[in-house]
């Protein structure tokens, strides 16, 4: 089970990856609520779980990307739209 800080860190890393921005602990501290110590603990925990890799910058692993995408809020269901106009008929011609 992930803590709230770990979830917020994954979401922030996902947003950085989506917009192709480098992520480090300083930039994440602006996006993740809580103290820098909590964020550091969360990032170490995520790295131990194999969800984050800390090379020169922080990066999501493929597993981390999947978990972060699953944590995103679900989009509202789109209402069914009615088709406009007459239905399309196919014409079959003999060869």
N, C-alpha and C. Protein backbone atom coordinates (compact mmCIF):
# COMPACT_ATOMS: atom_id res chain seq x y z
N UNK A 1 0.83 -1.17 0.00
CA UNK A 1 0.00 0.00 0.00
C UNK A 1 0.89 1.24 0.00
N UNK A 2 0.53 2.19 -0.81
CA UNK A 2 1.30 3.42 -0.92
C UNK A 2 0.75 4.48 0.02
N UNK A 3 1.66 5.27 0.59
CA UNK A 3 1.23 6.39 1.42
C UNK A 3 0.76 7.53 0.52
N UNK A 4 0.10 8.50 1.10
CA UNK A 4 -0.40 9.63 0.32
C UNK A 4 0.75 10.41 -0.31
N UNK A 5 1.86 10.57 0.40
CA UNK A 5 3.01 11.29 -0.14
C UNK A 5 3.62 10.52 -1.32
N UNK A 6 3.67 9.20 -1.22
CA UNK A 6 4.18 8.39 -2.34
C UNK A 6 3.28 8.52 -3.56
N UNK A 7 1.99 8.52 -3.34
CA UNK A 7 1.05 8.69 -4.46
C UNK A 7 1.22 10.06 -5.12
N UNK A 8 1.34 11.09 -4.29
CA UNK A 8 1.52 12.45 -4.83
C UNK A 8 2.84 12.55 -5.60
N UNK A 9 3.89 11.91 -5.10
CA UNK A 9 5.19 11.93 -5.78
C UNK A 9 5.09 11.22 -7.13
N UNK A 10 4.40 10.09 -7.17
CA UNK A 10 4.22 9.37 -8.45
C UNK A 10 3.45 10.22 -9.44
N UNK A 11 2.39 10.87 -8.98
CA UNK A 11 1.61 11.74 -9.87
C UNK A 11 2.47 12.89 -10.41
N UNK A 12 3.27 13.48 -9.53
CA UNK A 12 4.13 14.59 -9.95
C UNK A 12 5.18 14.12 -10.94
N UNK A 13 5.77 12.95 -10.71
CA UNK A 13 6.74 12.41 -11.65
C UNK A 13 6.09 12.09 -12.99
N UNK A 14 4.85 11.60 -12.94
CA UNK A 14 4.12 11.31 -14.17
C UNK A 14 3.89 12.58 -14.98
N UNK A 15 3.50 13.67 -14.29
CA UNK A 15 3.29 14.94 -14.99
C UNK A 15 4.59 15.45 -15.60
N UNK A 16 5.69 15.32 -14.87
CA UNK A 16 6.98 15.75 -15.42
C UNK A 16 7.35 14.93 -16.65
N UNK A 17 7.13 13.63 -16.58
CA UNK A 17 7.45 12.77 -17.72
C UNK A 17 6.56 13.10 -18.91
N UNK A 18 5.31 13.39 -18.64
CA UNK A 18 4.37 13.68 -19.71
C UNK A 18 4.76 14.93 -20.48
N UNK A 19 5.28 15.91 -19.77
CA UNK A 19 5.70 17.16 -20.41
C UNK A 19 7.20 17.21 -20.69
N UNK A 20 7.87 16.07 -20.55
CA UNK A 20 9.30 15.92 -20.84
C UNK A 20 10.15 16.90 -20.05
N UNK A 21 9.84 17.03 -18.77
CA UNK A 21 10.63 17.88 -17.88
C UNK A 21 11.48 17.00 -16.97
N UNK A 22 12.66 17.47 -16.68
CA UNK A 22 13.51 16.75 -15.73
C UNK A 22 12.94 16.92 -14.33
N UNK A 23 13.01 15.85 -13.56
CA UNK A 23 12.48 15.90 -12.19
C UNK A 23 13.60 15.63 -11.21
N UNK A 24 13.70 16.47 -10.22
CA UNK A 24 14.61 16.22 -9.11
C UNK A 24 13.84 16.52 -7.82
N UNK A 25 14.47 16.27 -6.72
CA UNK A 25 13.77 16.41 -5.45
C UNK A 25 13.33 17.86 -5.21
N UNK A 26 14.12 18.81 -5.65
CA UNK A 26 13.77 20.22 -5.45
C UNK A 26 12.53 20.60 -6.26
N UNK A 27 12.45 20.15 -7.51
CA UNK A 27 11.28 20.49 -8.33
C UNK A 27 10.04 19.76 -7.85
N UNK A 28 10.20 18.54 -7.33
CA UNK A 28 9.05 17.80 -6.83
C UNK A 28 8.53 18.40 -5.53
N UNK A 29 9.40 19.01 -4.74
CA UNK A 29 8.96 19.59 -3.47
C UNK A 29 7.97 20.73 -3.70
N UNK A 30 8.01 21.35 -4.88
CA UNK A 30 7.04 22.40 -5.21
C UNK A 30 5.68 21.81 -5.56
N UNK A 31 5.66 20.56 -6.03
CA UNK A 31 4.43 19.94 -6.50
C UNK A 31 3.79 18.98 -5.50
N UNK A 32 4.58 18.52 -4.53
CA UNK A 32 4.09 17.53 -3.57
C UNK A 32 3.92 18.20 -2.22
N UNK A 33 2.71 18.14 -1.66
CA UNK A 33 2.52 18.74 -0.33
C UNK A 33 3.24 17.94 0.74
N UNK A 34 3.69 18.62 1.76
CA UNK A 34 4.40 17.97 2.86
C UNK A 34 5.81 18.49 2.96
N UNK A 35 6.54 17.96 3.92
CA UNK A 35 7.91 18.42 4.14
C UNK A 35 8.87 17.75 3.17
N UNK A 36 10.06 18.32 3.04
CA UNK A 36 11.06 17.74 2.15
C UNK A 36 11.55 16.39 2.70
N UNK A 37 11.50 16.22 4.01
CA UNK A 37 11.91 14.94 4.60
C UNK A 37 10.91 13.84 4.22
N UNK A 38 9.61 14.15 4.28
CA UNK A 38 8.59 13.17 3.88
C UNK A 38 8.75 12.81 2.41
N UNK A 39 9.04 13.80 1.58
CA UNK A 39 9.22 13.55 0.15
C UNK A 39 10.45 12.66 -0.08
N UNK A 40 11.54 12.96 0.60
CA UNK A 40 12.74 12.13 0.46
C UNK A 40 12.50 10.69 0.90
N UNK A 41 11.78 10.52 2.00
CA UNK A 41 11.44 9.17 2.46
C UNK A 41 10.55 8.45 1.44
N UNK A 42 9.60 9.18 0.88
CA UNK A 42 8.70 8.59 -0.12
C UNK A 42 9.46 8.18 -1.37
N UNK A 43 10.38 9.02 -1.82
CA UNK A 43 11.16 8.70 -3.03
C UNK A 43 12.07 7.49 -2.79
N UNK A 44 12.67 7.40 -1.61
CA UNK A 44 13.50 6.23 -1.30
C UNK A 44 12.65 4.96 -1.24
N UNK A 45 11.45 5.08 -0.70
CA UNK A 45 10.54 3.93 -0.64
C UNK A 45 10.12 3.49 -2.04
N UNK A 46 9.81 4.47 -2.90
CA UNK A 46 9.42 4.15 -4.28
C UNK A 46 10.58 3.52 -5.05
N UNK A 47 11.80 3.98 -4.76
CA UNK A 47 12.97 3.40 -5.42
C UNK A 47 13.19 1.97 -4.95
N UNK A 48 12.97 1.72 -3.66
CA UNK A 48 13.13 0.37 -3.12
C UNK A 48 12.09 -0.59 -3.71
N UNK A 49 10.93 -0.06 -4.05
CA UNK A 49 9.87 -0.88 -4.66
C UNK A 49 10.06 -1.06 -6.16
N UNK A 50 11.03 -0.36 -6.73
CA UNK A 50 11.29 -0.48 -8.16
C UNK A 50 10.39 0.37 -9.03
N UNK A 51 9.77 1.41 -8.47
CA UNK A 51 8.88 2.27 -9.23
C UNK A 51 9.58 3.52 -9.75
N UNK A 52 10.70 3.87 -9.12
CA UNK A 52 11.45 5.08 -9.47
C UNK A 52 12.93 4.74 -9.53
N UNK A 53 13.63 5.36 -10.47
CA UNK A 53 15.08 5.23 -10.57
C UNK A 53 15.66 6.61 -10.37
N UNK A 54 16.64 6.72 -9.49
CA UNK A 54 17.29 8.02 -9.30
C UNK A 54 18.68 7.96 -9.90
N UNK A 55 18.76 8.39 -11.13
CA UNK A 55 20.04 8.60 -11.79
C UNK A 55 20.33 10.08 -11.59
N UNK A 56 20.95 10.77 -12.49
CA UNK A 56 21.12 12.22 -12.26
C UNK A 56 19.78 12.92 -11.98
N UNK A 57 18.71 12.43 -12.59
CA UNK A 57 17.37 12.95 -12.29
C UNK A 57 16.47 11.77 -11.95
N UNK A 58 15.33 12.07 -11.39
CA UNK A 58 14.39 11.01 -11.03
C UNK A 58 13.58 10.60 -12.24
N UNK A 59 13.40 9.28 -12.40
CA UNK A 59 12.63 8.77 -13.54
C UNK A 59 11.73 7.65 -13.07
N UNK A 60 10.57 7.53 -13.72
CA UNK A 60 9.68 6.42 -13.46
C UNK A 60 10.15 5.19 -14.23
N UNK A 61 10.05 4.04 -13.61
CA UNK A 61 10.26 2.79 -14.35
C UNK A 61 8.95 2.48 -15.08
N UNK A 62 8.93 1.43 -15.88
CA UNK A 62 7.70 1.07 -16.56
C UNK A 62 6.62 0.69 -15.55
N UNK A 63 7.01 -0.01 -14.49
CA UNK A 63 6.05 -0.34 -13.44
C UNK A 63 5.56 0.92 -12.75
N UNK A 64 6.46 1.86 -12.51
CA UNK A 64 6.08 3.13 -11.89
C UNK A 64 5.14 3.92 -12.78
N UNK A 65 5.38 3.88 -14.08
CA UNK A 65 4.50 4.57 -15.02
C UNK A 65 3.10 3.97 -14.99
N UNK A 66 3.03 2.64 -14.92
CA UNK A 66 1.72 1.98 -14.88
C UNK A 66 0.98 2.32 -13.59
N UNK A 67 1.67 2.31 -12.47
CA UNK A 67 1.04 2.63 -11.19
C UNK A 67 0.60 4.10 -11.18
N UNK A 68 1.45 4.99 -11.68
CA UNK A 68 1.10 6.42 -11.71
C UNK A 68 -0.11 6.67 -12.60
N UNK A 69 -0.17 5.99 -13.74
CA UNK A 69 -1.32 6.16 -14.63
C UNK A 69 -2.59 5.63 -13.98
N UNK A 70 -2.48 4.55 -13.21
CA UNK A 70 -3.65 4.00 -12.52
C UNK A 70 -4.13 4.93 -11.40
N UNK A 71 -3.24 5.75 -10.86
CA UNK A 71 -3.62 6.66 -9.79
C UNK A 71 -4.30 7.93 -10.29
N UNK A 72 -4.26 8.17 -11.59
CA UNK A 72 -4.88 9.38 -12.13
C UNK A 72 -6.39 9.32 -11.96
N UNK A 73 -7.03 10.47 -11.78
CA UNK A 73 -8.49 10.45 -11.66
C UNK A 73 -9.11 9.98 -12.97
N UNK A 74 -10.19 9.25 -12.84
CA UNK A 74 -10.89 8.74 -14.02
C UNK A 74 -11.61 9.88 -14.72
N UNK A 75 -11.59 9.84 -16.05
CA UNK A 75 -12.29 10.86 -16.83
C UNK A 75 -13.79 10.63 -16.71
N UNK A 76 -14.52 11.70 -16.75
CA UNK A 76 -15.98 11.58 -16.68
C UNK A 76 -16.48 10.86 -17.92
N UNK A 77 -17.46 10.03 -17.73
CA UNK A 77 -18.02 9.27 -18.85
C UNK A 77 -18.66 10.24 -19.83
N UNK A 78 -18.40 10.03 -21.09
CA UNK A 78 -18.98 10.89 -22.11
C UNK A 78 -20.41 10.42 -22.40
N UNK A 79 -21.32 11.35 -22.52
CA UNK A 79 -22.69 10.94 -22.85
C UNK A 79 -22.75 10.44 -24.28
N UNK A 80 -23.63 9.48 -24.51
CA UNK A 80 -23.79 8.95 -25.86
C UNK A 80 -24.42 10.03 -26.74
N UNK A 81 -23.83 10.25 -27.88
CA UNK A 81 -24.37 11.24 -28.81
C UNK A 81 -25.20 10.53 -29.86
N UNK A 82 -26.21 11.19 -30.30
CA UNK A 82 -27.06 10.62 -31.34
C UNK A 82 -26.40 10.86 -32.68
N UNK A 83 -26.51 9.87 -33.54
CA UNK A 83 -25.99 10.05 -34.90
C UNK A 83 -26.91 10.98 -35.67
N UNK A 84 -26.30 11.78 -36.46
CA UNK A 84 -27.09 12.70 -37.27
C UNK A 84 -27.12 12.20 -38.70
N UNK A 85 -28.22 12.44 -39.34
CA UNK A 85 -28.33 12.07 -40.75
C UNK A 85 -28.78 10.63 -40.91
N UNK A 86 -28.89 10.25 -42.15
CA UNK A 86 -29.36 8.90 -42.49
C UNK A 86 -28.23 7.90 -42.31
N UNK A 87 -28.57 6.64 -42.03
CA UNK A 87 -27.51 5.65 -41.91
C UNK A 87 -26.83 5.41 -43.25
N UNK A 88 -25.59 4.99 -43.19
CA UNK A 88 -24.81 4.74 -44.38
C UNK A 88 -25.17 3.36 -44.90
N UNK A 89 -25.53 3.27 -46.18
CA UNK A 89 -25.87 1.99 -46.80
C UNK A 89 -24.73 1.56 -47.70
N UNK A 90 -24.39 0.29 -47.63
CA UNK A 90 -23.36 -0.24 -48.52
C UNK A 90 -24.01 -0.81 -49.76
N UNK A 91 -23.39 -0.54 -50.85
CA UNK A 91 -23.87 -1.08 -52.12
C UNK A 91 -22.95 -2.21 -52.51
N UNK A 92 -23.54 -3.40 -52.69
CA UNK A 92 -22.77 -4.55 -53.09
C UNK A 92 -22.97 -4.77 -54.57
N UNK A 93 -21.90 -4.82 -55.32
CA UNK A 93 -21.99 -5.01 -56.77
C UNK A 93 -21.44 -6.37 -57.13
N UNK A 94 -22.06 -6.96 -58.09
CA UNK A 94 -21.59 -8.27 -58.55
C UNK A 94 -20.32 -8.08 -59.37
N UNK A 95 -19.47 -9.06 -59.32
CA UNK A 95 -18.20 -8.96 -60.02
C UNK A 95 -18.32 -9.26 -61.49
